[in-house]
Amino acid sequence: MERGTAGNLSTQRPDGRIGSLLLQERSNDIATVELNPPPPGIQRDSDNNVVDNKSWALFTQWTYTFLERLGVTAGARYTQDNKGSFPDQYDFAAPAVKQVPLRWYRDTFSAFTPSASVNYRWNKEAMTYVSYSQGFKGGGWNSHFNSVLTPAQQSALQEFKPEKANSLEVGAKLDLLGNTLRVNLAAFDSRYTDMQITYRGPAPAGVAPFLTNAGKATIKGAEGEVIWAPTRDWNIDASIGHLESSIDRLGITPLAVIPPGLQAGNQLPFAPRWQGHVGIAYTARAFSLRSTPRLDASYQSATFFDATNTPEIAQLGGYTVLNASLTIAPEVGPWRLLFGVNNVTDKIYAVAGNSSLSTGSGYAEIAYARPREYFGTLTYEF
């Protein structure tokens, strides 16, 4: 941590920027899937899809400070996504029978998303703020099915809608104890409309991942962070965060064949209720060298990895992971050595998973974090 104040907002001139973004991508996805084997052999499904996407955006943001204390920031962005999908999907037993008609499917998704924030500096050591922003994620096309879709199913399932969010945040940034202790506090509330979620369900999606919209969802919480540098050689940092997430309303068409367990009130995937971290480092100096050992401990509470909150693939218990490192470098010089151990205690914990328990294949799989891992790096600046 560098000693000093929480920042300087004394400028009286408007500070702004204008920018643009252009993205173009095209891919050819060729996939052959082996499904459960009905007589007389293995059923093979070809899920081929050409994707043609173009996206562009214009954005601007401006900040003005009044009387060296009150800062006001306003911004806006216009985004337009042009999505295209050309699916060629069939069962190898009947390649002429397409699961959806063979043609280009295209749509355009656009949104104007503003943002604004106000901050007030009470003195050199304390600043508070409030901010509001809107977010947007374009819609698109599902391209993997395991059976021929009826026109009604195709209309309901092939295309998914854009996701939109409204976020409000309030917080404070403080420099205390002679500018050796920095405290950051924040509370936020994000409300989503048509949140895009992924699940695997019964036919026609089958074992293939399937994107749909969840109606309305909420993520709200609070977090705090402290960084303390009592001397030049000690550095201690800690953080804690609490999340409350939920699917508030399901707006999924019945044709989507809602899988068991997907219901209002579920937690959102990858949104643990509690997260925390503590890190401590000390720099020893001898023979014109700096040696800095560091120890970090991170905690995460139970976590679901899908919108159906499937317990078979969830990390149902909280866990703590320890990492350690040692940095050696000259007081003045171009090189640095870093040695470390990640997951010191060789903790076994899940980091992802997916489930297809409601389909004929009836499987679930979990991805676990790496075991204890040693590493070393040498950095030299020319």
Protein backbone atom coordinates (compact mmCIF):
# COMPACT_ATOMS: atom_id res chain seq x y z
CA MET A 1 0.00 0.00 0.00
CA GLU A 2 1.31 3.42 -0.93
CA ARG A 3 0.89 5.96 1.83
CA GLY A 4 -1.16 8.99 0.87
CA THR A 5 -4.71 10.26 0.65
CA ALA A 6 -7.65 8.49 -0.94
CA GLY A 7 -7.17 10.49 -4.14
CA ASN A 8 -7.53 13.97 -5.59
CA LEU A 9 -10.76 15.32 -7.05
CA SER A 10 -9.70 18.98 -7.15
CA THR A 11 -9.90 19.45 -10.91
CA GLN A 12 -12.50 21.98 -12.02
CA ARG A 13 -12.38 21.19 -15.72
CA PRO A 14 -14.65 18.56 -17.27
CA ASP A 15 -12.79 15.31 -17.88
CA GLY A 16 -14.34 13.11 -20.53
CA ARG A 17 -13.82 10.50 -23.18
CA ILE A 18 -15.62 9.23 -26.25
CA GLY A 19 -15.03 5.85 -27.76
CA SER A 20 -16.28 3.14 -30.06
CA LEU A 21 -16.09 -0.63 -30.31
CA LEU A 22 -16.35 -2.92 -33.31
CA LEU A 23 -16.39 -6.72 -33.13
CA GLN A 24 -16.85 -9.29 -35.87
CA GLU A 25 -16.63 -13.05 -35.47
CA ARG A 26 -17.43 -16.08 -37.57
CA SER A 27 -17.01 -19.70 -36.55
CA ASN A 28 -17.90 -23.12 -37.89
CA ASP A 29 -18.80 -25.52 -35.07
CA ILE A 30 -18.80 -29.18 -36.13
CA ALA A 31 -19.83 -31.59 -33.37
CA THR A 32 -20.75 -35.26 -33.37
CA VAL A 33 -22.49 -36.46 -30.23
CA GLU A 34 -22.98 -40.10 -29.23
CA LEU A 35 -26.24 -40.53 -27.32
CA ASN A 36 -27.67 -43.45 -25.38
CA PRO A 37 -27.63 -46.59 -27.60
CA PRO A 38 -31.08 -47.69 -28.72
CA PRO A 39 -31.12 -50.95 -30.72
CA PRO A 40 -29.35 -51.84 -32.87
CA GLY A 41 -26.40 -49.54 -32.04
CA ILE A 42 -25.15 -46.17 -30.90
CA GLN A 43 -27.21 -43.16 -31.89
CA ARG A 44 -25.06 -40.38 -33.36
CA ASP A 45 -26.26 -36.81 -33.56
CA SER A 46 -24.57 -34.14 -35.71
CA ASP A 47 -24.77 -30.65 -34.22
CA ASN A 48 -23.16 -28.44 -36.87
CA ASN A 49 -23.56 -24.68 -36.70
CA VAL A 50 -22.08 -21.66 -38.46
CA VAL A 51 -22.07 -18.49 -36.33
CA ASP A 52 -21.84 -15.00 -37.84
CA ASN A 53 -21.87 -12.18 -35.27
CA LYS A 54 -21.22 -8.46 -35.61
CA SER A 55 -21.33 -5.96 -32.77
CA TRP A 56 -20.62 -2.24 -32.51
CA ALA A 57 -20.99 0.33 -29.76
CA LEU A 58 -20.53 4.06 -29.10
CA PHE A 59 -19.88 5.27 -25.57
CA THR A 60 -18.99 8.42 -23.65
CA GLN A 61 -18.32 9.41 -20.03
CA TRP A 62 -17.75 12.83 -18.44
CA THR A 63 -16.74 13.91 -14.93
CA TYR A 64 -16.95 17.34 -13.33
CA THR A 65 -15.88 18.42 -9.85
CA PHE A 66 -17.58 21.26 -8.01
CA LEU A 67 -15.68 23.22 -5.33
CA GLU A 68 -13.09 20.44 -4.99
CA ARG A 69 -15.55 18.29 -3.02
CA LEU A 70 -18.51 17.22 -5.12
CA GLY A 71 -17.80 15.03 -8.16
CA VAL A 72 -20.45 14.14 -10.73
CA THR A 73 -19.96 11.54 -13.47
CA ALA A 74 -22.40 10.69 -16.26
CA GLY A 75 -22.04 8.30 -19.16
CA ALA A 76 -23.96 6.38 -21.78
CA ARG A 77 -23.46 3.61 -24.29
CA TYR A 78 -25.37 2.46 -27.35
CA THR A 79 -24.80 -1.17 -28.34
CA GLN A 80 -26.04 -3.09 -31.36
CA ASP A 81 -25.51 -6.85 -31.77
CA ASN A 82 -26.27 -8.58 -35.04
CA LYS A 83 -26.43 -12.32 -34.43
CA GLY A 84 -26.56 -15.03 -37.08
CA SER A 85 -26.86 -18.83 -36.84
CA PHE A 86 -26.90 -21.48 -39.60
CA PRO A 87 -27.61 -24.83 -37.88
CA ASP A 88 -27.25 -28.12 -39.77
CA GLN A 89 -28.40 -30.66 -37.20
CA TYR A 90 -29.56 -34.21 -37.80
CA ASP A 91 -29.45 -37.77 -36.54
CA PHE A 92 -26.98 -39.93 -38.49
CA ALA A 93 -29.75 -42.51 -38.87
CA ALA A 94 -31.72 -39.98 -41.00
CA PRO A 95 -29.36 -37.21 -42.20
CA ALA A 96 -31.95 -35.72 -44.54
CA VAL A 97 -34.28 -34.97 -41.62
CA LYS A 98 -33.13 -31.70 -40.05
CA GLN A 99 -33.91 -30.91 -36.42
CA VAL A 100 -34.57 -27.30 -37.44
CA PRO A 101 -35.02 -26.09 -41.03
CA LEU A 102 -31.68 -25.54 -42.79
CA ARG A 103 -31.30 -21.75 -43.31
CA TRP A 104 -29.80 -18.60 -41.78
CA TYR A 105 -31.47 -17.32 -38.61
CA ARG A 106 -30.66 -13.68 -37.87
CA ASP A 107 -31.75 -11.02 -35.42
CA THR A 108 -30.56 -7.64 -34.14
CA PHE A 109 -30.41 -6.69 -30.46
CA SER A 110 -29.72 -3.13 -29.34
CA ALA A 111 -29.83 -1.07 -26.15
CA PHE A 112 -29.06 2.39 -24.78
CA THR A 113 -27.52 2.02 -21.29
CA PRO A 114 -26.82 5.12 -19.16
CA SER A 115 -24.76 5.40 -15.97
CA ALA A 116 -24.25 8.11 -13.36
CA SER A 117 -22.46 8.58 -10.05
CA VAL A 118 -22.03 11.27 -7.42
CA ASN A 119 -19.17 11.37 -4.90
CA TYR A 120 -18.50 13.77 -2.07
CA ARG A 121 -15.14 14.31 -0.35
CA TRP A 122 -15.76 15.23 3.26
CA ASN A 123 -12.06 15.81 3.89
CA LYS A 124 -8.71 14.42 2.67
CA GLU A 125 -9.39 11.11 4.45
CA ALA A 126 -13.04 10.36 3.62
CA MET A 127 -15.12 10.10 0.47
CA THR A 128 -18.61 8.65 -0.07
CA TYR A 129 -20.40 7.88 -3.32
CA VAL A 130 -23.57 6.57 -4.93
CA SER A 131 -23.77 5.18 -8.46
CA TYR A 132 -26.38 3.83 -10.85
CA SER A 133 -25.86 1.92 -14.07
CA GLN A 134 -27.71 -0.18 -16.60
CA GLY A 135 -26.30 -3.26 -18.28
CA PHE A 136 -27.14 -5.22 -21.42
CA LYS A 137 -26.21 -8.62 -22.86
CA GLY A 138 -27.43 -9.43 -26.35
CA GLY A 139 -29.67 -12.36 -27.15
CA GLY A 140 -28.87 -15.17 -29.54
CA TRP A 141 -29.64 -18.61 -30.88
CA ASN A 142 -29.49 -22.07 -29.36
CA SER A 143 -27.85 -24.42 -31.84
CA HIS A 144 -27.87 -27.89 -30.22
CA PHE A 145 -30.97 -30.05 -30.04
CA ASN A 146 -31.37 -33.82 -29.83
CA SER A 147 -34.65 -34.28 -31.68
CA VAL A 148 -36.68 -32.68 -34.48
CA LEU A 149 -38.42 -29.52 -33.25
CA THR A 150 -42.02 -28.76 -34.04
CA PRO A 151 -42.68 -25.21 -35.33
CA ALA A 152 -44.02 -24.26 -31.88
CA GLN A 153 -40.93 -25.64 -30.13
CA GLN A 154 -38.63 -23.90 -32.55
CA SER A 155 -40.37 -20.57 -32.01
CA ALA A 156 -40.16 -20.95 -28.23
CA LEU A 157 -36.74 -22.53 -27.78
CA GLN A 158 -34.31 -21.67 -30.56
CA GLU A 159 -33.89 -17.95 -29.84
CA PHE A 160 -33.21 -16.46 -26.40
CA LYS A 161 -33.81 -12.83 -25.48
CA PRO A 162 -31.37 -10.13 -24.33
CA GLU A 163 -30.55 -9.78 -20.64
CA LYS A 164 -30.83 -6.38 -18.94
CA ALA A 165 -29.76 -5.20 -15.50
CA ASN A 166 -30.21 -2.16 -13.27
CA SER A 167 -27.55 -1.70 -10.56
CA LEU A 168 -27.37 0.70 -7.61
CA GLU A 169 -24.30 0.99 -5.37
CA VAL A 170 -23.40 3.12 -2.36
CA GLY A 171 -20.04 3.14 -0.65
CA ALA A 172 -17.25 4.91 1.19
CA LYS A 173 -13.46 5.10 0.92
CA LEU A 174 -11.51 6.05 4.04
CA ASP A 175 -7.83 6.64 4.87
CA LEU A 176 -7.25 6.32 8.63
CA LEU A 177 -4.45 6.08 11.21
CA GLY A 178 -2.21 8.60 9.55
CA ASN A 179 -2.97 7.22 6.08
CA THR A 180 -1.65 3.75 6.97
CA LEU A 181 -5.10 2.10 6.98
CA ARG A 182 -7.38 2.16 3.97
CA VAL A 183 -11.01 1.04 4.32
CA ASN A 184 -13.36 0.51 1.36
CA LEU A 185 -17.04 -0.23 1.97
CA ALA A 186 -19.81 -0.88 -0.55
CA ALA A 187 -23.39 -2.13 -0.73
CA PHE A 188 -25.13 -2.92 -4.00
CA ASP A 189 -28.41 -4.09 -5.50
CA SER A 190 -28.63 -5.48 -9.05
CA ARG A 191 -31.94 -6.46 -10.63
CA TYR A 192 -31.99 -8.51 -13.81
CA THR A 193 -34.71 -8.85 -16.43
CA ASP A 194 -34.65 -11.92 -18.70
CA MET A 195 -31.43 -13.18 -17.08
CA GLN A 196 -29.82 -15.78 -19.34
CA ILE A 197 -29.30 -19.13 -17.63
CA THR A 198 -27.93 -22.45 -18.86
CA TYR A 199 -29.34 -25.87 -18.08
CA ARG A 200 -29.55 -29.37 -19.50
CA GLY A 201 -33.01 -30.78 -19.66
CA PRO A 202 -35.25 -33.35 -21.36
CA ALA A 203 -35.84 -33.41 -25.12
CA PRO A 204 -35.64 -31.52 -27.38
CA ALA A 205 -32.55 -30.06 -25.69
CA GLY A 206 -31.52 -33.37 -24.14
CA VAL A 207 -27.96 -33.51 -22.86
CA ALA A 208 -26.93 -30.40 -24.83
CA PRO A 209 -26.44 -27.15 -22.89
CA PHE A 210 -29.45 -24.93 -23.43
CA LEU A 211 -29.75 -21.16 -22.91
CA THR A 212 -33.04 -19.62 -21.87
CA ASN A 213 -34.29 -16.57 -19.97
CA ALA A 214 -35.20 -16.76 -16.30
CA GLY A 215 -37.68 -13.88 -16.08
CA LYS A 216 -36.39 -11.78 -13.18
CA ALA A 217 -33.45 -12.25 -10.80
CA THR A 218 -31.73 -10.25 -8.05
CA ILE A 219 -28.20 -10.03 -6.70
CA LYS A 220 -27.63 -7.80 -3.68
CA GLY A 221 -24.96 -7.68 -1.05
CA ALA A 222 -22.20 -5.82 0.69
CA GLU A 223 -18.43 -6.00 0.85
CA GLY A 224 -15.65 -4.49 2.88
CA GLU A 225 -11.91 -4.28 2.33
CA VAL A 226 -9.07 -3.10 4.55
CA ILE A 227 -5.39 -2.59 3.71
CA TRP A 228 -3.08 -1.83 6.62
CA ALA A 229 0.58 -0.87 6.32
CA PRO A 230 1.64 -0.10 9.92
CA THR A 231 5.30 0.15 8.86
CA ARG A 232 7.22 0.21 5.60
CA ASP A 233 7.78 -3.56 5.81
CA TRP A 234 4.42 -4.91 6.95
CA ASN A 235 1.37 -5.19 4.71
CA ILE A 236 -1.89 -6.77 5.87
CA ASP A 237 -5.08 -6.90 3.78
CA ALA A 238 -8.45 -8.49 4.35
CA SER A 239 -11.85 -8.51 2.68
CA ILE A 240 -15.30 -9.93 3.26
CA GLY A 241 -18.33 -10.11 1.00
CA HIS A 242 -21.92 -11.24 1.42
CA LEU A 243 -24.30 -12.03 -1.45
CA GLU A 244 -28.02 -12.68 -1.58
CA SER A 245 -29.03 -13.96 -5.01
CA SER A 246 -32.27 -15.45 -6.24
CA ILE A 247 -34.39 -16.21 -9.27
CA ASP A 248 -37.44 -14.07 -8.47
CA ARG A 249 -39.74 -15.09 -11.30
CA LEU A 250 -39.57 -17.68 -14.06
CA GLY A 251 -40.78 -16.56 -17.46
CA ILE A 252 -39.92 -19.73 -19.33
CA THR A 253 -42.38 -21.08 -21.87
CA PRO A 254 -43.80 -24.52 -20.95
CA LEU A 255 -42.43 -25.76 -24.28
CA ALA A 256 -38.95 -25.48 -22.76
CA VAL A 257 -39.75 -28.57 -20.68
CA ILE A 258 -38.62 -26.97 -17.41
CA PRO A 259 -36.34 -29.45 -15.65
CA PRO A 260 -37.07 -30.54 -12.09
CA GLY A 261 -35.60 -28.13 -9.57
CA LEU A 262 -35.65 -24.98 -11.72
CA GLN A 263 -37.94 -22.72 -9.73
CA ALA A 264 -38.31 -19.26 -8.29
CA GLY A 265 -36.29 -18.84 -5.10
CA ASN A 266 -33.23 -20.73 -6.33
CA GLN A 267 -29.82 -19.18 -5.84
CA LEU A 268 -27.95 -18.07 -8.93
CA PRO A 269 -24.96 -20.15 -10.09
CA PHE A 270 -21.48 -19.19 -8.84
CA ALA A 271 -22.88 -16.82 -6.21
CA PRO A 272 -21.76 -18.01 -2.73
CA ARG A 273 -23.33 -16.22 0.21
CA TRP A 274 -19.98 -15.55 1.89
CA GLN A 275 -16.45 -14.92 0.67
CA GLY A 276 -13.49 -13.75 2.71
CA HIS A 277 -9.75 -13.26 2.41
CA VAL A 278 -6.82 -12.44 4.69
CA GLY A 279 -3.29 -11.83 3.48
CA ILE A 280 -0.13 -10.89 5.36
CA ALA A 281 3.33 -10.05 4.03
CA TYR A 282 6.58 -8.91 5.62
CA THR A 283 9.65 -7.55 3.82
CA ALA A 284 13.06 -8.35 5.33
CA ARG A 285 16.10 -6.43 4.07
CA ALA A 286 19.69 -7.70 4.07
CA PHE A 287 22.71 -7.55 1.72
CA SER A 288 20.90 -5.08 -0.60
CA LEU A 289 18.10 -7.64 -1.10
CA ARG A 290 14.43 -7.60 -0.20
CA SER A 291 12.84 -10.92 0.83
CA THR A 292 9.05 -10.88 1.15
CA PRO A 293 7.24 -13.99 2.40
CA ARG A 294 3.44 -13.82 2.01
CA LEU A 295 0.57 -16.01 3.23
CA ASP A 296 -3.00 -15.79 1.91
CA ALA A 297 -6.12 -17.54 3.21
CA SER A 298 -9.37 -17.44 1.22
CA TYR A 299 -12.78 -18.70 2.33
CA GLN A 300 -15.89 -19.42 0.23
CA SER A 301 -19.20 -20.77 1.47
CA ALA A 302 -21.40 -23.36 -0.26
CA THR A 303 -21.80 -22.73 -3.99
CA PHE A 304 -24.24 -23.98 -6.63
CA PHE A 305 -23.04 -24.35 -10.21
CA ASP A 306 -26.37 -24.44 -12.05
CA ALA A 307 -29.71 -22.65 -11.93
CA THR A 308 -31.51 -25.79 -10.72
CA ASN A 309 -29.27 -25.85 -7.60
CA THR A 310 -28.46 -29.52 -8.23
CA PRO A 311 -26.87 -30.83 -5.00
CA GLU A 312 -25.02 -33.67 -6.78
CA ILE A 313 -22.73 -31.16 -8.53
CA ALA A 314 -22.64 -28.39 -5.90
CA GLN A 315 -19.88 -27.51 -3.44
CA LEU A 316 -22.17 -28.04 -0.46
CA GLY A 317 -19.70 -27.07 2.26
CA GLY A 318 -17.56 -24.01 2.78
CA TYR A 319 -13.80 -24.34 2.34
CA THR A 320 -10.59 -22.43 3.02
CA VAL A 321 -7.60 -22.40 0.66
CA LEU A 322 -4.08 -21.40 1.73
CA ASN A 323 -1.46 -20.00 -0.67
CA ALA A 324 2.12 -19.06 0.20
CA SER A 325 4.88 -17.29 -1.69
CA LEU A 326 8.37 -15.82 -1.29
CA THR A 327 9.67 -12.94 -3.40
CA ILE A 328 13.37 -12.06 -3.56
CA ALA A 329 14.57 -8.94 -5.34
CA PRO A 330 17.36 -6.36 -5.04
CA GLU A 331 16.63 -2.99 -3.45
CA VAL A 332 17.45 -1.50 -6.83
CA GLY A 333 17.76 -3.78 -9.82
CA PRO A 334 16.02 -5.33 -12.84
CA TRP A 335 15.35 -8.88 -11.63
CA ARG A 336 12.92 -10.61 -9.27
CA LEU A 337 12.51 -14.22 -8.12
CA LEU A 338 9.16 -15.58 -7.01
CA PHE A 339 8.58 -19.00 -5.45
CA GLY A 340 5.19 -20.20 -4.26
CA VAL A 341 2.78 -22.94 -3.32
CA ASN A 342 -0.90 -22.79 -4.20
CA ASN A 343 -3.40 -24.85 -2.18
CA VAL A 344 -0.85 -25.56 0.53
CA THR A 345 -3.07 -28.02 2.41
CA ASP A 346 -4.01 -29.93 -0.80
CA LYS A 347 -7.69 -29.11 -0.28
CA ILE A 348 -10.20 -30.91 -2.50
CA TYR A 349 -13.07 -28.66 -3.56
CA ALA A 350 -15.34 -28.24 -6.59
CA VAL A 351 -15.12 -25.21 -8.89
CA ALA A 352 -17.72 -26.12 -11.57
CA GLY A 353 -20.19 -28.79 -12.58
CA ASN A 354 -23.06 -29.66 -14.87
CA SER A 355 -25.94 -32.07 -14.59
CA SER A 356 -28.19 -33.99 -16.93
CA LEU A 357 -29.88 -36.20 -14.34
CA SER A 358 -33.36 -35.70 -15.80
CA THR A 359 -32.43 -37.07 -19.24
CA GLY A 360 -32.04 -40.63 -20.43
CA SER A 361 -28.26 -40.43 -19.96
CA GLY A 362 -28.77 -39.54 -16.30
CA TYR A 363 -25.28 -38.21 -15.58
CA ALA A 364 -23.66 -35.47 -13.50
CA GLU A 365 -20.06 -34.28 -13.54
CA ILE A 366 -17.93 -32.06 -11.31
CA ALA A 367 -14.69 -30.19 -12.02
CA TYR A 368 -12.34 -29.92 -9.04
CA ALA A 369 -9.65 -27.36 -8.34
CA ARG A 370 -6.01 -28.20 -8.86
CA PRO A 371 -4.24 -30.05 -6.04
CA ARG A 372 -1.20 -28.59 -4.27
CA GLU A 373 0.86 -26.78 -6.89
CA TYR A 374 4.42 -25.46 -6.76
CA PHE A 375 5.66 -22.70 -9.05
CA GLY A 376 8.56 -20.34 -9.61
CA THR A 377 9.18 -17.37 -11.88
CA LEU A 378 12.14 -15.18 -12.78
CA THR A 379 11.41 -11.68 -14.02
CA TYR A 380 14.04 -9.46 -15.64
CA GLU A 381 13.29 -5.97 -16.95
CA PHE A 382 15.44 -4.74 -19.82
